[in-house]
Amino acid sequence: MGHQTKPFKTFRNFEVKVKSMFVKNLKIINFKNHPEKTFDFSSDINCFVGNNGAGKTNILDALHYISMGKSFLGVSDFQNIRTSETENKS
C-alpha cells in the first residue's frame, strides 16, 4: 500500500491535507464465497464484472473488513468465514 499526501480543500486560509492509501493487491482465503483468490489492483480505475452471486460485492466487503475491522453488510464474523458447510453451497 502506498501513501500520498495531497491538498484536499482550502477553507478560510487553512489547507487540509489528506493521506491517500492505495491497495496494490488483496489475497482472500476462505472469505464468504471465495475459497482462495488474489487480486492485483491498478492505481487508476478498477472494475469488477461478473454474474449475480459471483462475489463482486464480497471483494469490496473484504477491503472494507481489513480497513474498518467489520463487514459493511452488518453480518457477524462467523458468517464471513468460508467453512466446509458453505463450500458445498457454492
PDB file of N, CA and C in Angstrom:
ATOM      1  N   MET A   1       0.841  -1.168   0.000  1.00  0.00           N
ATOM      2  CA  MET A   1       0.000   0.000   0.000  1.00  0.00           C
ATOM      3  C   MET A   1       0.891   1.237   0.000  1.00  0.00           C
ATOM      4  N   GLY A   2       0.647   2.160  -0.892  1.00  0.00           N
ATOM      5  CA  GLY A   2       1.425   3.387  -0.944  1.00  0.00           C
ATOM      6  C   GLY A   2       0.657   4.531  -0.326  1.00  0.00           C
ATOM      7  N   HIS A   3       1.379   5.479   0.238  1.00  0.00           N
ATOM      8  CA  HIS A   3       0.739   6.641   0.858  1.00  0.00           C
ATOM      9  C   HIS A   3       1.134   7.892   0.102  1.00  0.00           C
ATOM     10  N   GLN A   4       0.224   8.830   0.046  1.00  0.00           N
ATOM     11  CA  GLN A   4       0.465  10.080  -0.635  1.00  0.00           C
ATOM     12  C   GLN A   4      -0.286  11.171   0.098  1.00  0.00           C
ATOM     13  N   THR A   5       0.348  12.314   0.282  1.00  0.00           N
ATOM     14  CA  THR A   5      -0.332  13.438   0.896  1.00  0.00           C
ATOM     15  C   THR A   5      -0.578  14.474  -0.182  1.00  0.00           C
ATOM     16  N   LYS A   6      -1.796  14.958  -0.243  1.00  0.00           N
ATOM     17  CA  LYS A   6      -2.128  15.968  -1.246  1.00  0.00           C
ATOM     18  C   LYS A   6      -3.104  16.964  -0.644  1.00  0.00           C
ATOM     19  N   PRO A   7      -3.105  18.193  -1.140  1.00  0.00           N
ATOM     20  CA  PRO A   7      -4.073  19.164  -0.627  1.00  0.00           C
ATOM     21  C   PRO A   7      -5.480  18.707  -0.965  1.00  0.00           C
ATOM     22  N   PHE A   8      -6.339  18.792  -0.002  1.00  0.00           N
ATOM     23  CA  PHE A   8      -7.708  18.350  -0.200  1.00  0.00           C
ATOM     24  C   PHE A   8      -8.636  19.531  -0.426  1.00  0.00           C
ATOM     25  N   LYS A   9      -8.589  20.483   0.475  1.00  0.00           N
ATOM     26  CA  LYS A   9      -9.508  21.603   0.383  1.00  0.00           C
ATOM     27  C   LYS A   9      -8.936  22.786   1.145  1.00  0.00           C
ATOM     28  N   THR A  10      -9.096  23.958   0.583  1.00  0.00           N
ATOM     29  CA  THR A  10      -8.691  25.162   1.283  1.00  0.00           C
ATOM     30  C   THR A  10      -9.944  25.831   1.821  1.00  0.00           C
ATOM     31  N   PHE A  11      -9.924  26.141   3.110  1.00  0.00           N
ATOM     32  CA  PHE A  11     -11.080  26.734   3.753  1.00  0.00           C
ATOM     33  C   PHE A  11     -10.604  27.827   4.694  1.00  0.00           C
ATOM     34  N   ARG A  12     -10.982  29.054   4.417  1.00  0.00           N
ATOM     35  CA  ARG A  12     -10.610  30.201   5.253  1.00  0.00           C
ATOM     36  C   ARG A  12      -9.117  30.224   5.583  1.00  0.00           C
ATOM     37  N   ASN A  13      -8.313  30.143   4.568  1.00  0.00           N
ATOM     38  CA  ASN A  13      -6.854  30.190   4.682  1.00  0.00           C
ATOM     39  C   ASN A  13      -6.242  28.972   5.369  1.00  0.00           C
ATOM     40  N   PHE A  14      -7.018  27.913   5.565  1.00  0.00           N
ATOM     41  CA  PHE A  14      -6.477  26.670   6.104  1.00  0.00           C
ATOM     42  C   PHE A  14      -6.487  25.635   4.991  1.00  0.00           C
ATOM     43  N   GLU A  15      -5.395  24.977   4.815  1.00  0.00           N
ATOM     44  CA  GLU A  15      -5.322  23.924   3.814  1.00  0.00           C
ATOM     45  C   GLU A  15      -5.363  22.581   4.531  1.00  0.00           C
ATOM     46  N   VAL A  16      -6.333  21.786   4.200  1.00  0.00           N
ATOM     47  CA  VAL A  16      -6.492  20.474   4.819  1.00  0.00           C
ATOM     48  C   VAL A  16      -5.733  19.462   3.971  1.00  0.00           C
ATOM     49  N   LYS A  17      -4.890  18.673   4.606  1.00  0.00           N
ATOM     50  CA  LYS A  17      -4.133  17.632   3.898  1.00  0.00           C
ATOM     51  C   LYS A  17      -4.748  16.271   4.221  1.00  0.00           C
ATOM     52  N   VAL A  18      -4.859  15.462   3.206  1.00  0.00           N
ATOM     53  CA  VAL A  18      -5.445  14.135   3.360  1.00  0.00           C
ATOM     54  C   VAL A  18      -4.436  13.107   2.873  1.00  0.00           C
ATOM     55  N   LYS A  19      -4.277  12.051   3.640  1.00  0.00           N
ATOM     56  CA  LYS A  19      -3.417  10.954   3.203  1.00  0.00           C
ATOM     57  C   LYS A  19      -4.267   9.969   2.423  1.00  0.00           C
ATOM     58  N   SER A  20      -3.769   9.586   1.266  1.00  0.00           N
ATOM     59  CA  SER A  20      -4.452   8.596   0.441  1.00  0.00           C
ATOM     60  C   SER A  20      -3.749   7.260   0.585  1.00  0.00           C
ATOM     61  N   MET A  21      -4.514   6.208   0.509  1.00  0.00           N
ATOM     62  CA  MET A  21      -3.948   4.873   0.582  1.00  0.00           C
ATOM     63  C   MET A  21      -4.382   4.119  -0.664  1.00  0.00           C
ATOM     64  N   PHE A  22      -3.434   3.465  -1.294  1.00  0.00           N
ATOM     65  CA  PHE A  22      -3.726   2.667  -2.474  1.00  0.00           C
ATOM     66  C   PHE A  22      -3.470   1.203  -2.144  1.00  0.00           C
ATOM     67  N   VAL A  23      -4.446   0.376  -2.399  1.00  0.00           N
ATOM     68  CA  VAL A  23      -4.299  -1.062  -2.203  1.00  0.00           C
ATOM     69  C   VAL A  23      -3.762  -1.634  -3.504  1.00  0.00           C
ATOM     70  N   LYS A  24      -2.587  -2.236  -3.439  1.00  0.00           N
ATOM     71  CA  LYS A  24      -1.964  -2.791  -4.642  1.00  0.00           C
ATOM     72  C   LYS A  24      -2.475  -4.194  -4.943  1.00  0.00           C
ATOM     73  N   ASN A  25      -2.674  -4.990  -3.889  1.00  0.00           N
ATOM     74  CA  ASN A  25      -3.210  -6.328  -4.105  1.00  0.00           C
ATOM     75  C   ASN A  25      -3.953  -6.796  -2.862  1.00  0.00           C
ATOM     76  N   LEU A  26      -4.746  -7.807  -3.056  1.00  0.00           N
ATOM     77  CA  LEU A  26      -5.564  -8.372  -1.986  1.00  0.00           C
ATOM     78  C   LEU A  26      -5.595  -9.882  -2.175  1.00  0.00           C
ATOM     79  N   LYS A  27      -5.310 -10.616  -1.108  1.00  0.00           N
ATOM     80  CA  LYS A  27      -5.424 -12.074  -1.157  1.00  0.00           C
ATOM     81  C   LYS A  27      -6.513 -12.483  -0.171  1.00  0.00           C
ATOM     82  N   ILE A  28      -7.502 -13.183  -0.675  1.00  0.00           N
ATOM     83  CA  ILE A  28      -8.636 -13.637   0.125  1.00  0.00           C
ATOM     84  C   ILE A  28      -8.540 -15.152   0.271  1.00  0.00           C
ATOM     85  N   ILE A  29      -8.627 -15.620   1.507  1.00  0.00           N
ATOM     86  CA  ILE A  29      -8.644 -17.059   1.764  1.00  0.00           C
ATOM     87  C   ILE A  29      -9.854 -17.359   2.645  1.00  0.00           C
ATOM     88  N   ASN A  30     -10.764 -18.189   2.129  1.00  0.00           N
ATOM     89  CA  ASN A  30     -11.971 -18.612   2.855  1.00  0.00           C
ATOM     90  C   ASN A  30     -12.794 -17.432   3.366  1.00  0.00           C
ATOM     91  N   PHE A  31     -12.972 -16.434   2.522  1.00  0.00           N
ATOM     92  CA  PHE A  31     -13.818 -15.290   2.867  1.00  0.00           C
ATOM     93  C   PHE A  31     -15.080 -15.359   2.018  1.00  0.00           C
ATOM     94  N   LYS A  32     -16.193 -15.575   2.675  1.00  0.00           N
ATOM     95  CA  LYS A  32     -17.510 -15.693   2.023  1.00  0.00           C
ATOM     96  C   LYS A  32     -17.447 -16.738   0.915  1.00  0.00           C
ATOM     97  N   ASN A  33     -17.726 -16.380  -0.342  1.00  0.00           N
ATOM     98  CA  ASN A  33     -17.748 -17.404  -1.387  1.00  0.00           C
ATOM     99  C   ASN A  33     -16.418 -17.554  -2.119  1.00  0.00           C
ATOM    100  N   HIS A  34     -15.354 -16.932  -1.618  1.00  0.00           N
ATOM    101  CA  HIS A  34     -14.040 -17.035  -2.261  1.00  0.00           C
ATOM    102  C   HIS A  34     -13.152 -18.015  -1.493  1.00  0.00           C
ATOM    103  N   PRO A  35     -12.883 -19.205  -2.060  1.00  0.00           N
ATOM    104  CA  PRO A  35     -12.013 -20.156  -1.364  1.00  0.00           C
ATOM    105  C   PRO A  35     -10.587 -19.607  -1.235  1.00  0.00           C
ATOM    106  N   GLU A  36     -10.005 -19.163  -2.336  1.00  0.00           N
ATOM    107  CA  GLU A  36      -8.683 -18.534  -2.318  1.00  0.00           C
ATOM    108  C   GLU A  36      -8.495 -17.787  -3.634  1.00  0.00           C
ATOM    109  N   LYS A  37      -8.328 -16.472  -3.541  1.00  0.00           N
ATOM    110  CA  LYS A  37      -8.140 -15.652  -4.736  1.00  0.00           C
ATOM    111  C   LYS A  37      -7.207 -14.498  -4.417  1.00  0.00           C
ATOM    112  N   THR A  38      -6.466 -14.077  -5.428  1.00  0.00           N
ATOM    113  CA  THR A  38      -5.588 -12.920  -5.310  1.00  0.00           C
ATOM    114  C   THR A  38      -5.991 -11.906  -6.372  1.00  0.00           C
ATOM    115  N   PHE A  39      -6.061 -10.657  -5.975  1.00  0.00           N
ATOM    116  CA  PHE A  39      -6.432  -9.579  -6.880  1.00  0.00           C
ATOM    117  C   PHE A  39      -5.303  -8.556  -6.908  1.00  0.00           C
ATOM    118  N   ASP A  40      -4.892  -8.146  -8.092  1.00  0.00           N
ATOM    119  CA  ASP A  40      -3.914  -7.073  -8.261  1.00  0.00           C
ATOM    120  C   ASP A  40      -4.676  -5.872  -8.803  1.00  0.00           C
ATOM    121  N   PHE A  41      -4.551  -4.742  -8.110  1.00  0.00           N
ATOM    122  CA  PHE A  41      -5.316  -3.553  -8.454  1.00  0.00           C
ATOM    123  C   PHE A  41      -4.467  -2.522  -9.175  1.00  0.00           C
ATOM    124  N   SER A  42      -5.102  -1.761 -10.020  1.00  0.00           N
ATOM    125  CA  SER A  42      -4.475  -0.640 -10.709  1.00  0.00           C
ATOM    126  C   SER A  42      -4.552   0.592  -9.814  1.00  0.00           C
ATOM    127  N   SER A  43      -3.626   1.509  -9.982  1.00  0.00           N
ATOM    128  CA  SER A  43      -3.700   2.761  -9.216  1.00  0.00           C
ATOM    129  C   SER A  43      -4.699   3.721  -9.859  1.00  0.00           C
ATOM    130  N   ASP A  44      -5.232   3.354 -11.018  1.00  0.00           N
ATOM    131  CA  ASP A  44      -6.227   4.191 -11.707  1.00  0.00           C
ATOM    132  C   ASP A  44      -7.635   3.731 -11.349  1.00  0.00           C
ATOM    133  N   ILE A  45      -8.249   2.994 -12.228  1.00  0.00           N
ATOM    134  CA  ILE A  45      -9.636   2.555 -12.033  1.00  0.00           C
ATOM    135  C   ILE A  45      -9.683   1.033 -12.046  1.00  0.00           C
ATOM    136  N   ASN A  46     -10.469   0.471 -11.141  1.00  0.00           N
ATOM    137  CA  ASN A  46     -10.668  -0.976 -11.082  1.00  0.00           C
ATOM    138  C   ASN A  46     -12.156  -1.264 -11.217  1.00  0.00           C
ATOM    139  N   CYS A  47     -12.480  -2.312 -11.950  1.00  0.00           N
ATOM    140  CA  CYS A  47     -13.873  -2.662 -12.191  1.00  0.00           C
ATOM    141  C   CYS A  47     -14.063  -4.152 -11.957  1.00  0.00           C
ATOM    142  N   PHE A  48     -15.130  -4.511 -11.262  1.00  0.00           N
ATOM    143  CA  PHE A  48     -15.458  -5.908 -11.016  1.00  0.00           C
ATOM    144  C   PHE A  48     -16.665  -6.266 -11.873  1.00  0.00           C
ATOM    145  N   VAL A  49     -16.510  -7.280 -12.711  1.00  0.00           N
ATOM    146  CA  VAL A  49     -17.580  -7.695 -13.611  1.00  0.00           C
ATOM    147  C   VAL A  49     -17.822  -9.184 -13.402  1.00  0.00           C
ATOM    148  N   GLY A  50     -19.087  -9.564 -13.299  1.00  0.00           N
ATOM    149  CA  GLY A  50     -19.413 -10.975 -13.145  1.00  0.00           C
ATOM    150  C   GLY A  50     -20.901 -11.175 -12.975  1.00  0.00           C
ATOM    151  N   ASN A  51     -21.311 -12.405 -13.019  1.00  0.00           N
ATOM    152  CA  ASN A  51     -22.720 -12.755 -12.844  1.00  0.00           C
ATOM    153  C   ASN A  51     -23.160 -12.491 -11.409  1.00  0.00           C
ATOM    154  N   ASN A  52     -24.477 -12.478 -11.213  1.00  0.00           N
ATOM    155  CA  ASN A  52     -25.015 -12.360  -9.852  1.00  0.00           C
ATOM    156  C   ASN A  52     -24.504 -13.524  -9.013  1.00  0.00           C
ATOM    157  N   GLY A  53     -24.098 -13.216  -7.802  1.00  0.00           N
ATOM    158  CA  GLY A  53     -23.609 -14.243  -6.900  1.00  0.00           C
ATOM    159  C   GLY A  53     -22.168 -14.657  -7.133  1.00  0.00           C
ATOM    160  N   ALA A  54     -21.460 -13.970  -8.027  1.00  0.00           N
ATOM    161  CA  ALA A  54     -20.067 -14.338  -8.328  1.00  0.00           C
ATOM    162  C   ALA A  54     -19.098 -13.894  -7.239  1.00  0.00           C
ATOM    163  N   GLY A  55     -19.498 -12.906  -6.421  1.00  0.00           N
ATOM    164  CA  GLY A  55     -18.640 -12.460  -5.328  1.00  0.00           C
ATOM    165  C   GLY A  55     -18.049 -11.075  -5.503  1.00  0.00           C
ATOM    166  N   LYS A  56     -18.595 -10.277  -6.407  1.00  0.00           N
ATOM    167  CA  LYS A  56     -18.077  -8.913  -6.635  1.00  0.00           C
ATOM    168  C   LYS A  56     -18.191  -8.063  -5.372  1.00  0.00           C
ATOM    169  N   THR A  57     -19.345  -8.070  -4.763  1.00  0.00           N
ATOM    170  CA  THR A  57     -19.553  -7.285  -3.543  1.00  0.00           C
ATOM    171  C   THR A  57     -18.718  -7.835  -2.397  1.00  0.00           C
ATOM    172  N   ASN A  58     -18.466  -9.131  -2.394  1.00  0.00           N
ATOM    173  CA  ASN A  58     -17.649  -9.728  -1.341  1.00  0.00           C
ATOM    174  C   ASN A  58     -16.204  -9.246  -1.399  1.00  0.00           C
ATOM    175  N   ILE A  59     -15.706  -8.911  -2.591  1.00  0.00           N
ATOM    176  CA  ILE A  59     -14.364  -8.335  -2.718  1.00  0.00           C
ATOM    177  C   ILE A  59     -14.348  -6.960  -2.052  1.00  0.00           C
ATOM    178  N   LEU A  60     -15.364  -6.158  -2.321  1.00  0.00           N
ATOM    179  CA  LEU A  60     -15.461  -4.840  -1.688  1.00  0.00           C
ATOM    180  C   LEU A  60     -15.621  -4.979  -0.178  1.00  0.00           C
ATOM    181  N   ASP A  61     -16.384  -5.976   0.248  1.00  0.00           N
ATOM    182  CA  ASP A  61     -16.575  -6.194   1.681  1.00  0.00           C
ATOM    183  C   ASP A  61     -15.262  -6.620   2.340  1.00  0.00           C
ATOM    184  N   ALA A  62     -14.440  -7.402   1.641  1.00  0.00           N
ATOM    185  CA  ALA A  62     -13.136  -7.794   2.181  1.00  0.00           C
ATOM    186  C   ALA A  62     -12.248  -6.567   2.364  1.00  0.00           C
ATOM    187  N   LEU A  63     -12.263  -5.653   1.403  1.00  0.00           N
ATOM    188  CA  LEU A  63     -11.492  -4.409   1.536  1.00  0.00           C
ATOM    189  C   LEU A  63     -12.002  -3.573   2.705  1.00  0.00           C
ATOM    190  N   HIS A  64     -13.313  -3.511   2.859  1.00  0.00           N
ATOM    191  CA  HIS A  64     -13.899  -2.777   3.983  1.00  0.00           C
ATOM    192  C   HIS A  64     -13.528  -3.450   5.304  1.00  0.00           C
ATOM    193  N   TYR A  65     -13.541  -4.770   5.305  1.00  0.00           N
ATOM    194  CA  TYR A  65     -13.239  -5.536   6.514  1.00  0.00           C
ATOM    195  C   TYR A  65     -11.816  -5.278   7.004  1.00  0.00           C
ATOM    196  N   ILE A  66     -10.846  -5.263   6.085  1.00  0.00           N
ATOM    197  CA  ILE A  66      -9.462  -5.021   6.515  1.00  0.00           C
ATOM    198  C   ILE A  66      -9.233  -3.563   6.877  1.00  0.00           C
ATOM    199  N   SER A  67     -10.057  -2.669   6.350  1.00  0.00           N
ATOM    200  CA  SER A  67      -9.919  -1.241   6.665  1.00  0.00           C
ATOM    201  C   SER A  67     -10.612  -0.865   7.965  1.00  0.00           C
ATOM    202  N   MET A  68     -11.795  -1.412   8.191  1.00  0.00           N
ATOM    203  CA  MET A  68     -12.622  -0.995   9.314  1.00  0.00           C
ATOM    204  C   MET A  68     -12.786  -2.068  10.396  1.00  0.00           C
ATOM    205  N   GLY A  69     -12.357  -3.287  10.115  1.00  0.00           N
ATOM    206  CA  GLY A  69     -12.456  -4.355  11.108  1.00  0.00           C
ATOM    207  C   GLY A  69     -13.824  -4.988  11.210  1.00  0.00           C
ATOM    208  N   LYS A  70     -14.691  -4.706  10.238  1.00  0.00           N
ATOM    209  CA  LYS A  70     -16.028  -5.307  10.243  1.00  0.00           C
ATOM    210  C   LYS A  70     -16.609  -5.258   8.843  1.00  0.00           C
ATOM    211  N   SER A  71     -17.612  -6.072   8.620  1.00  0.00           N
ATOM    212  CA  SER A  71     -18.300  -6.118   7.333  1.00  0.00           C
ATOM    213  C   SER A  71     -19.210  -4.904   7.181  1.00  0.00           C
ATOM    214  N   PHE A  72     -19.310  -4.373   5.959  1.00  0.00           N
ATOM    215  CA  PHE A  72     -20.258  -3.274   5.755  1.00  0.00           C
ATOM    216  C   PHE A  72     -21.676  -3.793   5.582  1.00  0.00           C
ATOM    217  N   LEU A  73     -21.828  -5.098   5.483  1.00  0.00           N
ATOM    218  CA  LEU A  73     -23.158  -5.686   5.349  1.00  0.00           C
ATOM    219  C   LEU A  73     -23.788  -6.008   6.696  1.00  0.00           C
ATOM    220  N   GLY A  74     -23.042  -5.791   7.776  1.00  0.00           N
ATOM    221  CA  GLY A  74     -23.599  -5.973   9.111  1.00  0.00           C
ATOM    222  C   GLY A  74     -23.692  -7.405   9.576  1.00  0.00           C
ATOM    223  N   VAL A  75     -23.012  -8.320   8.889  1.00  0.00           N
ATOM    224  CA  VAL A  75     -23.060  -9.724   9.303  1.00  0.00           C
ATOM    225  C   VAL A  75     -21.969  -9.994  10.338  1.00  0.00           C
ATOM    226  N   SER A  76     -22.101 -11.098  11.048  1.00  0.00           N
ATOM    227  CA  SER A  76     -21.120 -11.446  12.079  1.00  0.00           C
ATOM    228  C   SER A  76     -19.846 -11.985  11.433  1.00  0.00           C
ATOM    229  N   ASP A  77     -18.768 -12.002  12.203  1.00  0.00           N
ATOM    230  CA  ASP A  77     -17.504 -12.540  11.709  1.00  0.00           C
ATOM    231  C   ASP A  77     -17.662 -13.987  11.262  1.00  0.00           C
ATOM    232  N   PHE A  78     -18.446 -14.752  11.982  1.00  0.00           N
ATOM    233  CA  PHE A  78     -18.651 -16.160  11.652  1.00  0.00           C
ATOM    234  C   PHE A  78     -19.244 -16.323  10.253  1.00  0.00           C
ATOM    235  N   GLN A  79     -20.115 -15.422   9.850  1.00  0.00           N
ATOM    236  CA  GLN A  79     -20.750 -15.512   8.535  1.00  0.00           C
ATOM    237  C   GLN A  79     -19.796 -15.121   7.401  1.00  0.00           C
ATOM    238  N   ASN A  80     -18.683 -14.476   7.720  1.00  0.00           N
ATOM    239  CA  ASN A  80     -17.705 -14.098   6.700  1.00  0.00           C
ATOM    240  C   ASN A  80     -16.735 -15.220   6.369  1.00  0.00           C
ATOM    241  N   ILE A  81     -16.611 -16.198   7.247  1.00  0.00           N
ATOM    242  CA  ILE A  81     -15.625 -17.263   7.080  1.00  0.00           C
ATOM    243  C   ILE A  81     -16.242 -18.407   6.300  1.00  0.00           C
ATOM    244  N   ARG A  82     -15.544 -18.829   5.267  1.00  0.00           N
ATOM    245  CA  ARG A  82     -15.981 -19.952   4.448  1.00  0.00           C
ATOM    246  C   ARG A  82     -15.599 -21.236   5.175  1.00  0.00           C
ATOM    247  N   THR A  83     -16.579 -22.098   5.444  1.00  0.00           N
ATOM    248  CA  THR A  83     -16.338 -23.363   6.139  1.00  0.00           C
ATOM    249  C   THR A  83     -16.680 -24.523   5.219  1.00  0.00           C
ATOM    250  N   SER A  84     -16.468 -25.735   5.680  1.00  0.00           N
ATOM    251  CA  SER A  84     -16.798 -26.907   4.860  1.00  0.00           C
ATOM    252  C   SER A  84     -18.292 -26.961   4.557  1.00  0.00           C
ATOM    253  N   GLU A  85     -19.127 -26.428   5.443  1.00  0.00           N
ATOM    254  CA  GLU A  85     -20.573 -26.397   5.203  1.00  0.00           C
ATOM    255  C   GLU A  85     -20.915 -25.423   4.073  1.00  0.00           C
ATOM    256  N   THR A  86     -20.245 -24.272   4.019  1.00  0.00           N
ATOM    257  CA  THR A  86     -20.551 -23.278   2.985  1.00  0.00           C
ATOM    258  C   THR A  86     -19.918 -23.635   1.655  1.00  0.00           C
ATOM    259  N   GLU A  87     -18.872 -24.461   1.643  1.00  0.00           N
ATOM    260  CA  GLU A  87     -18.229 -24.866   0.380  1.00  0.00           C
ATOM    261  C   GLU A  87     -19.191 -25.661  -0.476  1.00  0.00           C
ATOM    262  N   ASN A  88     -20.036 -26.462   0.144  1.00  0.00           N
ATOM    263  CA  ASN A  88     -20.973 -27.292  -0.613  1.00  0.00           C
ATOM    264  C   ASN A  88     -22.100 -26.477  -1.227  1.00  0.00           C
ATOM    265  N   LYS A  89     -22.343 -25.266  -0.716  1.00  0.00           N
ATOM    266  CA  LYS A  89     -23.429 -24.429  -1.215  1.00  0.00           C
ATOM    267  C   LYS A  89     -23.029 -23.609  -2.442  1.00  0.00           C
ATOM    268  N   SER A  90     -21.710 -23.401  -2.685  1.00  0.00           N
ATOM    269  CA  SER A  90     -21.308 -22.554  -3.805  1.00  0.00           C
ATOM    270  C   SER A  90     -21.195 -23.280  -5.101  1.00  0.00           C
TER     271      SER A  90
END
